[in-house]
């Protein structure tokens, strides 16, 4: 998992990218036992997890960074 990025407006949300390109959003400040997170595609559509809402623009932003890193790594 890559470095998490905190949402600039919703400060309690952390966005990170999975190895397969899905975006994981964590609800910060929730007890770890609840596992309050969600998986989303690059357009912000919910794929799984308890957290069902994400900022589509943040999902696109973090996904685009992942794509650029993948292209750079391949040469």
Protein backbone atom coordinates (compact mmCIF):
# COMPACT_ATOMS: atom_id res chain seq x y z
CA UNK A 1 0.00 0.00 0.00
CA UNK A 2 1.26 3.47 -0.90
CA UNK A 3 1.47 6.47 1.36
CA UNK A 4 -1.91 7.74 2.55
CA UNK A 5 -3.09 11.22 1.62
CA UNK A 6 -5.35 13.16 3.97
CA UNK A 7 -8.35 14.81 2.30
CA UNK A 8 -7.81 18.61 2.38
CA UNK A 9 -11.41 19.40 3.39
CA UNK A 10 -12.59 16.24 5.16
CA UNK A 11 -9.60 15.99 7.49
CA UNK A 12 -10.82 12.72 9.01
CA UNK A 13 -10.44 10.77 5.72
CA UNK A 14 -7.25 9.10 4.52
CA UNK A 15 -6.94 7.95 0.89
CA UNK A 16 -4.48 5.30 -0.26
CA UNK A 17 -4.13 3.06 -3.28
CA UNK A 18 -4.05 -0.73 -3.24
CA UNK A 19 -1.65 -2.75 -5.40
CA UNK A 20 -4.48 -3.51 -7.86
CA UNK A 21 -5.51 0.13 -8.34
CA UNK A 22 -8.46 0.24 -5.97
CA UNK A 23 -8.67 3.25 -3.66
CA UNK A 24 -8.97 2.57 0.08
CA UNK A 25 -10.50 5.31 2.23
CA UNK A 26 -10.05 5.17 6.00
CA UNK A 27 -12.15 7.06 8.54
CA UNK A 28 -9.55 8.54 10.87
CA UNK A 29 -10.38 8.82 14.56
CA UNK A 30 -12.50 5.67 14.63
CA UNK A 31 -11.39 2.85 16.90
CA UNK A 32 -9.25 0.26 15.05
CA UNK A 33 -11.61 -2.55 16.06
CA UNK A 34 -14.42 -1.16 13.89
CA UNK A 35 -12.33 -1.21 10.70
CA UNK A 36 -14.20 1.77 9.27
CA UNK A 37 -12.91 1.88 5.70
CA UNK A 38 -14.18 1.44 2.16
CA UNK A 39 -12.83 0.38 -1.23
CA UNK A 40 -13.62 2.46 -4.30
CA UNK A 41 -12.76 2.48 -7.97
CA UNK A 42 -10.98 5.37 -9.68
CA UNK A 43 -14.30 7.24 -10.12
CA UNK A 44 -15.31 6.96 -6.46
CA UNK A 45 -17.83 4.14 -6.92
CA UNK A 46 -18.15 1.95 -3.83
CA UNK A 47 -16.73 -1.57 -4.14
CA UNK A 48 -16.76 -2.81 -0.54
CA UNK A 49 -16.25 -2.04 3.14
CA UNK A 50 -18.29 -0.23 5.77
CA UNK A 51 -17.45 3.27 4.53
CA UNK A 52 -19.68 3.87 1.51
CA UNK A 53 -18.86 7.46 0.48
CA UNK A 54 -15.68 8.90 -1.00
CA UNK A 55 -14.74 12.05 -2.84
CA UNK A 56 -14.62 11.08 -6.55
CA UNK A 57 -12.05 13.77 -7.31
CA UNK A 58 -9.71 12.49 -4.60
CA UNK A 59 -10.13 8.95 -5.95
CA UNK A 60 -9.22 10.15 -9.45
CA UNK A 61 -6.26 12.13 -8.11
CA UNK A 62 -4.72 9.25 -6.17
CA UNK A 63 -5.44 6.80 -9.01
CA UNK A 64 -3.73 9.11 -11.54
CA UNK A 65 -0.64 9.30 -9.32
CA UNK A 66 -0.61 5.49 -9.13
CA UNK A 67 -0.88 5.17 -12.93
CA UNK A 68 2.03 7.61 -13.40
CA UNK A 69 4.14 5.67 -10.91
CA UNK A 70 3.32 2.41 -12.70
CA UNK A 71 4.33 3.91 -16.07
CA UNK A 72 7.55 5.33 -14.63
CA UNK A 73 8.46 2.00 -13.03
CA UNK A 74 8.03 0.18 -16.35
CA UNK A 75 10.21 2.68 -18.17
